[in-house]
């Protein structure tokens, strides 16, 4: 769902290789529900889009990027195009959010240096070793 209303926050939910689709779809449902409540209240709705890594070259600047969890053991080290896109979005002012293993994509994009980072407890040692 997208909106052309000015000052409406725009979110990108990234469906990268190995992403936990239940997390992507759950976030999509929650944002859709928020929009239904917003419509009922007569206030602007959020703009959000689920993106695959093949969608990244055609898109505008987002206000927030969400990197959901991953259940396959893939850690994003080969997603160079996605890393560049995340860095461009961040440089343009996007807030970045990850859940669990999604933090690895931020790390490979070079955006964790000097920051406090969280991940799933079972990934703590691996994240520390990588970044």
Protein backbone atom coordinates (compact mmCIF):
# COMPACT_ATOMS: atom_id res chain seq x y z
CA UNK A 1 0.00 0.00 0.00
CA UNK A 2 1.33 3.42 -0.89
CA UNK A 3 0.09 6.93 -0.39
CA UNK A 4 0.69 10.25 -2.14
CA UNK A 5 -0.30 12.28 0.92
CA UNK A 6 2.57 14.54 2.04
CA UNK A 7 4.07 13.93 5.49
CA UNK A 8 2.78 10.36 5.64
CA UNK A 9 5.52 8.04 6.92
CA UNK A 10 6.60 5.42 4.40
CA UNK A 11 7.88 1.99 5.44
CA UNK A 12 9.69 -0.68 3.45
CA UNK A 13 9.51 -4.28 4.71
CA UNK A 14 12.39 -6.17 3.11
CA UNK A 15 11.72 -9.72 1.94
CA UNK A 16 15.35 -10.72 1.39
CA UNK A 17 16.58 -14.27 0.66
CA UNK A 18 15.68 -16.57 3.56
CA UNK A 19 13.51 -14.02 5.38
CA UNK A 20 10.97 -15.33 7.87
CA UNK A 21 7.86 -14.64 5.77
CA UNK A 22 5.55 -14.97 8.77
CA UNK A 23 7.29 -11.91 10.22
CA UNK A 24 6.98 -9.99 6.95
CA UNK A 25 3.31 -10.89 6.57
CA UNK A 26 2.60 -10.22 10.24
CA UNK A 27 4.10 -6.72 9.97
CA UNK A 28 2.15 -6.15 6.76
CA UNK A 29 -1.05 -7.17 8.58
CA UNK A 30 -0.30 -4.88 11.53
CA UNK A 31 0.39 -1.88 9.30
CA UNK A 32 -2.77 -2.64 7.33
CA UNK A 33 -4.75 -2.76 10.57
CA UNK A 34 -3.25 0.56 11.66
CA UNK A 35 -4.41 2.03 8.35
CA UNK A 36 -7.96 0.77 8.89
CA UNK A 37 -8.03 2.48 12.30
CA UNK A 38 -6.53 5.63 10.79
CA UNK A 39 -9.19 5.66 8.05
CA UNK A 40 -11.94 5.26 10.66
CA UNK A 41 -10.45 8.13 12.67
CA UNK A 42 -10.10 10.32 9.59
CA UNK A 43 -6.31 10.68 9.93
CA UNK A 44 -3.64 9.99 7.29
CA UNK A 45 -2.68 6.38 6.73
CA UNK A 46 0.83 4.95 6.64
CA UNK A 47 2.50 4.14 3.38
CA UNK A 48 4.20 0.74 3.27
CA UNK A 49 5.50 -1.72 0.75
CA UNK A 50 6.91 -5.24 0.95
CA UNK A 51 10.02 -5.33 -1.23
CA UNK A 52 12.03 -8.19 -2.62
CA UNK A 53 15.67 -7.56 -3.45
CA UNK A 54 14.73 -7.31 -7.14
CA UNK A 55 12.50 -4.29 -6.40
CA UNK A 56 15.21 -2.02 -5.02
CA UNK A 57 16.29 -0.14 -8.15
CA UNK A 58 12.87 1.38 -8.90
CA UNK A 59 11.97 2.91 -5.56
CA UNK A 60 11.81 6.22 -3.80
CA UNK A 61 13.23 7.26 -0.45
CA UNK A 62 11.53 5.60 2.53
CA UNK A 63 11.25 6.97 6.05
CA UNK A 64 11.88 3.59 7.66
CA UNK A 65 13.35 0.28 6.51
CA UNK A 66 12.54 -2.95 8.37
CA UNK A 67 14.77 -6.04 8.06
CA UNK A 68 12.79 -8.92 9.58
CA UNK A 69 14.24 -12.14 11.04
CA UNK A 70 15.81 -14.95 9.05
CA UNK A 71 15.36 -18.64 9.82
CA UNK A 72 17.57 -20.23 7.16
CA UNK A 73 21.03 -19.37 8.46
CA UNK A 74 21.67 -16.96 5.58
CA UNK A 75 23.39 -13.86 6.99
CA UNK A 76 23.29 -11.46 4.07
CA UNK A 77 27.01 -11.24 3.33
CA UNK A 78 26.39 -11.71 -0.42
CA UNK A 79 23.52 -9.20 -0.78
CA UNK A 80 25.74 -6.38 -2.08
CA UNK A 81 22.93 -4.59 -3.96
CA UNK A 82 20.75 -4.65 -0.85
CA UNK A 83 23.66 -3.35 1.30
CA UNK A 84 24.17 -0.41 -1.10
CA UNK A 85 20.44 0.33 -1.15
CA UNK A 86 20.21 0.25 2.67
CA UNK A 87 23.18 2.66 2.88
CA UNK A 88 21.57 4.99 0.32
CA UNK A 89 18.26 4.94 2.19
CA UNK A 90 20.03 5.63 5.50
CA UNK A 91 22.04 8.48 3.95
CA UNK A 92 18.72 9.90 2.73
CA UNK A 93 17.35 9.92 6.27
CA UNK A 94 15.64 6.54 6.64
CA UNK A 95 15.46 5.02 10.09
CA UNK A 96 16.61 1.41 10.12
CA UNK A 97 15.10 -1.42 12.10
CA UNK A 98 15.99 -5.09 12.29
CA UNK A 99 14.71 -8.07 14.19
CA UNK A 100 16.95 -10.97 15.19
CA UNK A 101 19.18 -11.95 12.24
CA UNK A 102 18.08 -8.88 10.27
CA UNK A 103 20.91 -7.08 12.10
CA UNK A 104 23.42 -8.94 9.92
CA UNK A 105 22.20 -7.06 6.83
CA UNK A 106 22.77 -3.76 8.64
CA UNK A 107 26.23 -4.93 9.67
CA UNK A 108 27.18 -5.98 6.16
CA UNK A 109 25.96 -2.59 4.95
CA UNK A 110 28.52 -1.03 7.34
CA UNK A 111 25.91 0.66 9.51
CA UNK A 112 26.58 -0.90 12.92
CA UNK A 113 29.96 0.69 13.67
CA UNK A 114 29.87 2.63 16.93
CA UNK A 115 26.24 1.74 17.61
CA UNK A 116 24.53 -0.28 20.28
CA UNK A 117 22.94 -3.26 18.56
CA UNK A 118 20.53 -5.97 19.62
CA UNK A 119 19.75 -9.34 18.11
CA UNK A 120 18.33 -12.65 19.20
CA UNK A 121 20.26 -14.07 22.17
CA UNK A 122 21.26 -17.17 20.17
CA UNK A 123 22.95 -14.94 17.55
CA UNK A 124 24.86 -12.71 19.96
CA UNK A 125 28.27 -14.39 19.63
CA UNK A 126 28.00 -14.68 15.85
CA UNK A 127 27.04 -11.00 15.51
CA UNK A 128 29.93 -9.95 17.77
CA UNK A 129 32.36 -12.06 15.73
CA UNK A 130 31.17 -10.64 12.41
CA UNK A 131 30.99 -7.00 13.49
